[in-house]
Amino acid sequence: MADDVITMIKTDHRELERLFEMMKKERSSRPLALPLAVAMLEAHSRAEEECVYPALAEEAGEKDEVRHATEEHHEAEHLGKHLLELDWESAEFDRELEKWVDAVRHHVQEEEEELLPVLGRTFDAERLQRLGLEFAGQRSEELAGTAVGDGAGDGQGSGRRGGEGPTRAELYEKARKLGVEGRSSMNKDELERQVQEAEEGAGAG
């Protein structure tokens, strides 16, 4: 089914691969292809973390694998955002692009060989289709609300939707720095609560 979540995730992976190859072969494509790839990767990752990974962690028992995959997301996003700061015609850009592409390809391979088959075995066609709708909706929301390359927020709507406060990605980063356990399987509200408690605990200490 074209609208099941496994097909959608793989379609995104192939599109990212197409953008990678374009940037490696045609330097002139980089100013347009790079921001597109960075935004697409971030929206794809957030949609997986919001809609797909919790199901894998809670219902398929893949908590460790989900935690590992989420850490890989954040590493890849960091590498991609670093590229936005470089001269796209420089040798340094070529080196960092290679590093980024390798990191994303490694993650994609693990996800397609390990996590997606678990999804297919655990959930029936109807559930996979429902997850696909949730994934597509979240990804679209992230793409609509995220200005590429603006870091953690400059007051101009960077990843924020309608003044709702920090995004899940920003809360996740805070939780990671504060050492909050189990953060990869938490939704936005849970992350917000845990970050607040951790910050209050740190302040009291």
C-alpha atoms as a PDB file:
ATOM      1  CA  MET A   1       0.000   0.000   0.000  1.00  0.00           C
ATOM      2  CA  ALA A   2       1.451   3.331  -1.056  1.00  0.00           C
ATOM      3  CA  ASP A   3       0.175   5.144   2.031  1.00  0.00           C
ATOM      4  CA  ASP A   4       1.421   2.736   4.685  1.00  0.00           C
ATOM      5  CA  VAL A   5       4.111   4.071   6.999  1.00  0.00           C
ATOM      6  CA  ILE A   6       6.855   1.687   5.832  1.00  0.00           C
ATOM      7  CA  THR A   7       6.463   2.775   2.208  1.00  0.00           C
ATOM      8  CA  MET A   8       6.432   6.451   3.217  1.00  0.00           C
ATOM      9  CA  ILE A   9       9.611   6.140   5.272  1.00  0.00           C
ATOM     10  CA  LYS A  10      11.422   4.333   2.450  1.00  0.00           C
ATOM     11  CA  THR A  11      10.238   6.934  -0.066  1.00  0.00           C
ATOM     12  CA  ASP A  12      11.780   9.674   2.074  1.00  0.00           C
ATOM     13  CA  HIS A  13      15.016   7.696   2.300  1.00  0.00           C
ATOM     14  CA  ARG A  14      15.233   7.402  -1.500  1.00  0.00           C
ATOM     15  CA  GLU A  15      14.553  11.130  -1.924  1.00  0.00           C
ATOM     16  CA  LEU A  16      17.334  12.002   0.529  1.00  0.00           C
ATOM     17  CA  GLU A  17      19.665   9.699  -1.386  1.00  0.00           C
ATOM     18  CA  ARG A  18      18.763  11.502  -4.619  1.00  0.00           C
ATOM     19  CA  LEU A  19      19.609  14.867  -3.045  1.00  0.00           C
ATOM     20  CA  PHE A  20      22.902  13.500  -1.686  1.00  0.00           C
ATOM     21  CA  GLU A  21      23.965  12.252  -5.111  1.00  0.00           C
ATOM     22  CA  MET A  22      22.981  15.560  -6.690  1.00  0.00           C
ATOM     23  CA  MET A  23      25.121  17.533  -4.221  1.00  0.00           C
ATOM     24  CA  LYS A  24      28.101  15.226  -4.701  1.00  0.00           C
ATOM     25  CA  LYS A  25      27.971  15.358  -8.508  1.00  0.00           C
ATOM     26  CA  GLU A  26      26.833  18.948  -9.107  1.00  0.00           C
ATOM     27  CA  ARG A  27      28.270  21.572  -6.783  1.00  0.00           C
ATOM     28  CA  SER A  28      25.984  24.209  -8.259  1.00  0.00           C
ATOM     29  CA  SER A  29      22.979  22.314  -6.865  1.00  0.00           C
ATOM     30  CA  ARG A  30      24.152  22.668  -3.261  1.00  0.00           C
ATOM     31  CA  PRO A  31      22.653  26.069  -2.330  1.00  0.00           C
ATOM     32  CA  LEU A  32      19.172  24.705  -3.087  1.00  0.00           C
ATOM     33  CA  ALA A  33      19.556  20.988  -2.413  1.00  0.00           C
ATOM     34  CA  LEU A  34      21.272  21.303   0.976  1.00  0.00           C
ATOM     35  CA  PRO A  35      18.589  23.331   2.834  1.00  0.00           C
ATOM     36  CA  LEU A  36      15.947  21.061   1.306  1.00  0.00           C
ATOM     37  CA  ALA A  37      17.750  17.907   2.469  1.00  0.00           C
ATOM     38  CA  VAL A  38      18.366  19.311   5.972  1.00  0.00           C
ATOM     39  CA  ALA A  39      14.716  20.346   6.380  1.00  0.00           C
ATOM     40  CA  MET A  40      13.459  17.063   4.980  1.00  0.00           C
ATOM     41  CA  LEU A  41      15.690  14.989   7.253  1.00  0.00           C
ATOM     42  CA  GLU A  42      14.622  16.943  10.332  1.00  0.00           C
ATOM     43  CA  ALA A  43      10.899  16.711   9.528  1.00  0.00           C
ATOM     44  CA  HIS A  44      11.245  13.002   8.723  1.00  0.00           C
ATOM     45  CA  SER A  45      13.087  12.354  11.995  1.00  0.00           C
ATOM     46  CA  ARG A  46      10.591  14.270  14.123  1.00  0.00           C
ATOM     47  CA  ALA A  47       7.667  12.456  12.480  1.00  0.00           C
ATOM     48  CA  GLU A  48       9.292   9.096  13.194  1.00  0.00           C
ATOM     49  CA  GLU A  49       9.973  10.081  16.803  1.00  0.00           C
ATOM     50  CA  GLU A  50       6.431  11.364  17.367  1.00  0.00           C
ATOM     51  CA  CYS A  51       4.401   8.745  15.483  1.00  0.00           C
ATOM     52  CA  VAL A  52       6.447   5.620  14.735  1.00  0.00           C
ATOM     53  CA  TYR A  53       9.110   5.129  17.380  1.00  0.00           C
ATOM     54  CA  PRO A  54       6.711   5.186  20.374  1.00  0.00           C
ATOM     55  CA  ALA A  55       4.747   2.324  18.778  1.00  0.00           C
ATOM     56  CA  LEU A  56       7.967   0.393  18.191  1.00  0.00           C
ATOM     57  CA  ALA A  57       9.190   1.009  21.734  1.00  0.00           C
ATOM     58  CA  GLU A  58       5.954   0.360  23.602  1.00  0.00           C
ATOM     59  CA  GLU A  59       4.188  -2.269  21.499  1.00  0.00           C
ATOM     60  CA  ALA A  60       7.054  -4.055  19.751  1.00  0.00           C
ATOM     61  CA  GLY A  61       9.517  -3.938  22.649  1.00  0.00           C
ATOM     62  CA  GLU A  62      12.216  -2.159  20.646  1.00  0.00           C
ATOM     63  CA  LYS A  63      13.123   0.411  23.322  1.00  0.00           C
ATOM     64  CA  ASP A  64      16.926   0.090  22.973  1.00  0.00           C
ATOM     65  CA  GLU A  65      16.788   0.137  19.184  1.00  0.00           C
ATOM     66  CA  VAL A  66      14.536   3.214  19.216  1.00  0.00           C
ATOM     67  CA  ARG A  67      16.870   4.988  21.630  1.00  0.00           C
ATOM     68  CA  HIS A  68      19.839   4.228  19.370  1.00  0.00           C
ATOM     69  CA  ALA A  69      17.979   5.370  16.239  1.00  0.00           C
ATOM     70  CA  THR A  70      16.932   8.630  17.922  1.00  0.00           C
ATOM     71  CA  GLU A  71      20.522   9.395  18.906  1.00  0.00           C
ATOM     72  CA  GLU A  72      21.526   8.788  15.274  1.00  0.00           C
ATOM     73  CA  HIS A  73      18.843  11.244  14.155  1.00  0.00           C
ATOM     74  CA  HIS A  74      20.308  13.985  16.310  1.00  0.00           C
ATOM     75  CA  GLU A  75      23.859  13.279  15.206  1.00  0.00           C
ATOM     76  CA  ALA A  76      22.814  13.458  11.543  1.00  0.00           C
ATOM     77  CA  GLU A  77      20.843  16.662  12.089  1.00  0.00           C
ATOM     78  CA  HIS A  78      23.837  18.276  13.794  1.00  0.00           C
ATOM     79  CA  LEU A  79      26.112  17.358  10.862  1.00  0.00           C
ATOM     80  CA  GLY A  80      23.583  18.686   8.338  1.00  0.00           C
ATOM     81  CA  LYS A  81      23.156  22.016  10.116  1.00  0.00           C
ATOM     82  CA  HIS A  82      26.937  22.397  10.318  1.00  0.00           C
ATOM     83  CA  LEU A  83      27.095  22.121   6.511  1.00  0.00           C
ATOM     84  CA  LEU A  84      24.742  25.103   6.199  1.00  0.00           C
ATOM     85  CA  GLU A  85      27.470  27.271   7.745  1.00  0.00           C
ATOM     86  CA  LEU A  86      30.203  26.242   5.271  1.00  0.00           C
ATOM     87  CA  ASP A  87      31.234  27.515   1.856  1.00  0.00           C
ATOM     88  CA  TRP A  88      29.596  24.999  -0.472  1.00  0.00           C
ATOM     89  CA  GLU A  89      32.526  25.193  -2.922  1.00  0.00           C
ATOM     90  CA  SER A  90      35.210  24.438  -0.315  1.00  0.00           C
ATOM     91  CA  ALA A  91      37.144  21.237   0.317  1.00  0.00           C
ATOM     92  CA  GLU A  92      35.890  21.341   3.913  1.00  0.00           C
ATOM     93  CA  PHE A  93      32.318  21.179   2.636  1.00  0.00           C
ATOM     94  CA  ASP A  94      33.207  18.115   0.542  1.00  0.00           C
ATOM     95  CA  ARG A  95      34.653  16.373   3.597  1.00  0.00           C
ATOM     96  CA  GLU A  96      31.742  17.272   5.882  1.00  0.00           C
ATOM     97  CA  LEU A  97      29.197  16.320   3.207  1.00  0.00           C
ATOM     98  CA  GLU A  98      30.797  12.869   2.971  1.00  0.00           C
ATOM     99  CA  LYS A  99      30.614  12.530   6.763  1.00  0.00           C
ATOM    100  CA  TRP A 100      26.949  13.561   6.806  1.00  0.00           C
ATOM    101  CA  VAL A 101      25.966  11.267   3.938  1.00  0.00           C
ATOM    102  CA  ASP A 102      27.753   8.326   5.596  1.00  0.00           C
ATOM    103  CA  ALA A 103      25.942   8.968   8.904  1.00  0.00           C
ATOM    104  CA  VAL A 104      22.514   9.156   7.252  1.00  0.00           C
ATOM    105  CA  ARG A 105      23.152   6.094   5.069  1.00  0.00           C
ATOM    106  CA  HIS A 106      24.244   4.097   8.111  1.00  0.00           C
ATOM    107  CA  HIS A 107      21.043   5.062   9.930  1.00  0.00           C
ATOM    108  CA  VAL A 108      18.871   4.306   6.894  1.00  0.00           C
ATOM    109  CA  GLN A 109      20.444   0.871   6.467  1.00  0.00           C
ATOM    110  CA  GLU A 110      19.885  -0.046  10.122  1.00  0.00           C
ATOM    111  CA  GLU A 111      16.328   1.252  10.054  1.00  0.00           C
ATOM    112  CA  GLU A 112      15.393  -0.596   6.864  1.00  0.00           C
ATOM    113  CA  GLU A 113      17.072  -3.843   7.900  1.00  0.00           C
ATOM    114  CA  GLU A 114      16.038  -3.896  11.569  1.00  0.00           C
ATOM    115  CA  LEU A 115      13.216  -1.530  12.587  1.00  0.00           C
ATOM    116  CA  LEU A 116      10.968  -1.486   9.508  1.00  0.00           C
ATOM    117  CA  PRO A 117      10.727  -5.303   9.316  1.00  0.00           C
ATOM    118  CA  VAL A 118       9.636  -5.280  12.978  1.00  0.00           C
ATOM    119  CA  LEU A 119       6.930  -2.750  12.095  1.00  0.00           C
ATOM    120  CA  GLY A 120       5.720  -5.015   9.299  1.00  0.00           C
ATOM    121  CA  ARG A 121       5.612  -8.082  11.567  1.00  0.00           C
ATOM    122  CA  THR A 122       4.018  -6.340  14.551  1.00  0.00           C
ATOM    123  CA  PHE A 123       1.204  -4.324  12.986  1.00  0.00           C
ATOM    124  CA  ASP A 124      -1.512  -5.210  10.501  1.00  0.00           C
ATOM    125  CA  ALA A 125      -2.150  -3.320   7.248  1.00  0.00           C
ATOM    126  CA  GLU A 126      -4.809  -1.075   8.781  1.00  0.00           C
ATOM    127  CA  ARG A 127      -2.526   0.010  11.627  1.00  0.00           C
ATOM    128  CA  LEU A 128       0.382   0.620   9.231  1.00  0.00           C
ATOM    129  CA  GLN A 129      -1.882   2.814   7.129  1.00  0.00           C
ATOM    130  CA  ARG A 130      -3.029   4.747  10.200  1.00  0.00           C
ATOM    131  CA  LEU A 131       0.588   5.228  11.276  1.00  0.00           C
ATOM    132  CA  GLY A 132       1.312   6.429   7.749  1.00  0.00           C
ATOM    133  CA  LEU A 133      -1.354   9.116   7.991  1.00  0.00           C
ATOM    134  CA  GLU A 134       0.001  10.253  11.360  1.00  0.00           C
ATOM    135  CA  PHE A 135       3.571  10.238  10.049  1.00  0.00           C
ATOM    136  CA  ALA A 136       2.643  12.246   6.934  1.00  0.00           C
ATOM    137  CA  GLY A 137       0.664  14.777   8.975  1.00  0.00           C
ATOM    138  CA  GLN A 138       3.442  15.312  11.499  1.00  0.00           C
ATOM    139  CA  ARG A 139       6.080  15.589   8.776  1.00  0.00           C
ATOM    140  CA  SER A 140       4.016  18.202   6.913  1.00  0.00           C
ATOM    141  CA  GLU A 141       3.483  20.144  10.127  1.00  0.00           C
ATOM    142  CA  GLU A 142       7.225  20.109  10.851  1.00  0.00           C
ATOM    143  CA  LEU A 143       8.090  21.255   7.317  1.00  0.00           C
ATOM    144  CA  ALA A 144       5.519  24.053   7.464  1.00  0.00           C
ATOM    145  CA  GLY A 145       6.727  25.250  10.858  1.00  0.00           C
ATOM    146  CA  THR A 146      10.492  25.003  10.437  1.00  0.00           C
ATOM    147  CA  ALA A 147      12.729  27.665   8.923  1.00  0.00           C
ATOM    148  CA  VAL A 148      15.904  25.899   7.825  1.00  0.00           C
ATOM    149  CA  GLY A 149      19.200  26.914   9.320  1.00  0.00           C
ATOM    150  CA  ASP A 150      17.861  29.157  12.040  1.00  0.00           C
ATOM    151  CA  GLY A 151      19.292  27.145  14.896  1.00  0.00           C
ATOM    152  CA  ALA A 152      17.383  26.700  18.084  1.00  0.00           C
ATOM    153  CA  GLY A 153      15.146  29.701  17.572  1.00  0.00           C
ATOM    154  CA  ASP A 154      15.454  33.349  16.699  1.00  0.00           C
ATOM    155  CA  GLY A 155      11.923  34.431  17.554  1.00  0.00           C
ATOM    156  CA  GLN A 156      10.799  34.150  13.955  1.00  0.00           C
ATOM    157  CA  GLY A 157       8.963  30.858  14.141  1.00  0.00           C
ATOM    158  CA  SER A 158      11.890  28.463  14.013  1.00  0.00           C
ATOM    159  CA  GLY A 159      10.142  25.141  14.238  1.00  0.00           C
ATOM    160  CA  ARG A 160       7.387  26.648  16.355  1.00  0.00           C
ATOM    161  CA  ARG A 161       3.752  26.468  15.429  1.00  0.00           C
ATOM    162  CA  GLY A 162       1.416  29.259  16.481  1.00  0.00           C
ATOM    163  CA  GLY A 163       3.368  30.295  19.563  1.00  0.00           C
ATOM    164  CA  GLU A 164       3.153  26.869  21.182  1.00  0.00           C
ATOM    165  CA  GLY A 165       6.522  27.158  22.916  1.00  0.00           C
ATOM    166  CA  PRO A 166       9.503  24.900  22.338  1.00  0.00           C
ATOM    167  CA  THR A 167       9.277  22.101  19.796  1.00  0.00           C
ATOM    168  CA  ARG A 168       9.696  18.454  20.761  1.00  0.00           C
ATOM    169  CA  ALA A 169      13.149  18.525  19.149  1.00  0.00           C
ATOM    170  CA  GLU A 170      14.230  21.423  21.361  1.00  0.00           C
ATOM    171  CA  LEU A 171      12.788  19.738  24.456  1.00  0.00           C
ATOM    172  CA  TYR A 172      14.554  16.510  23.501  1.00  0.00           C
ATOM    173  CA  GLU A 173      17.893  18.337  23.286  1.00  0.00           C
ATOM    174  CA  LYS A 174      17.317  19.868  26.741  1.00  0.00           C
ATOM    175  CA  ALA A 175      16.386  16.442  28.109  1.00  0.00           C
ATOM    176  CA  ARG A 176      19.534  14.926  26.602  1.00  0.00           C
ATOM    177  CA  LYS A 177      21.730  17.587  28.209  1.00  0.00           C
ATOM    178  CA  LEU A 178      19.951  17.114  31.533  1.00  0.00           C
ATOM    179  CA  GLY A 179      20.373  13.332  31.352  1.00  0.00           C
ATOM    180  CA  VAL A 180      16.645  12.534  31.369  1.00  0.00           C
ATOM    181  CA  GLU A 181      16.253   8.783  30.910  1.00  0.00           C
ATOM    182  CA  GLY A 182      13.684   7.306  28.521  1.00  0.00           C
ATOM    183  CA  ARG A 183      13.442  10.589  26.604  1.00  0.00           C
ATOM    184  CA  SER A 184      13.395   8.961  23.150  1.00  0.00           C
ATOM    185  CA  SER A 185      10.001   7.350  23.745  1.00  0.00           C
ATOM    186  CA  MET A 186       8.369  10.401  25.384  1.00  0.00           C
ATOM    187  CA  ASN A 187       5.891  12.652  23.623  1.00  0.00           C
ATOM    188  CA  LYS A 188       6.214  16.435  23.731  1.00  0.00           C
ATOM    189  CA  ASP A 189       4.134  16.919  26.906  1.00  0.00           C
ATOM    190  CA  GLU A 190       6.058  14.244  28.785  1.00  0.00           C
ATOM    191  CA  LEU A 191       9.367  15.744  27.703  1.00  0.00           C
ATOM    192  CA  GLU A 192       8.249  19.200  28.805  1.00  0.00           C
ATOM    193  CA  ARG A 193       7.266  17.856  32.224  1.00  0.00           C
ATOM    194  CA  GLN A 194      10.486  15.881  32.699  1.00  0.00           C
ATOM    195  CA  VAL A 195      12.688  18.786  31.556  1.00  0.00           C
ATOM    196  CA  GLN A 196      10.929  21.132  33.970  1.00  0.00           C
ATOM    197  CA  GLU A 197      11.382  18.683  36.850  1.00  0.00           C
ATOM    198  CA  ALA A 198      15.050  18.115  35.954  1.00  0.00           C
ATOM    199  CA  GLU A 199      15.707  21.872  35.730  1.00  0.00           C
ATOM    200  CA  GLU A 200      14.006  22.457  39.083  1.00  0.00           C
ATOM    201  CA  GLY A 201      16.045  19.627  40.587  1.00  0.00           C
ATOM    202  CA  ALA A 202      19.274  21.065  39.180  1.00  0.00           C
ATOM    203  CA  GLY A 203      18.343  24.505  40.498  1.00  0.00           C
ATOM    204  CA  ALA A 204      17.663  23.108  43.944  1.00  0.00           C
ATOM    205  CA  GLY A 205      20.989  21.293  43.886  1.00  0.00           C
END
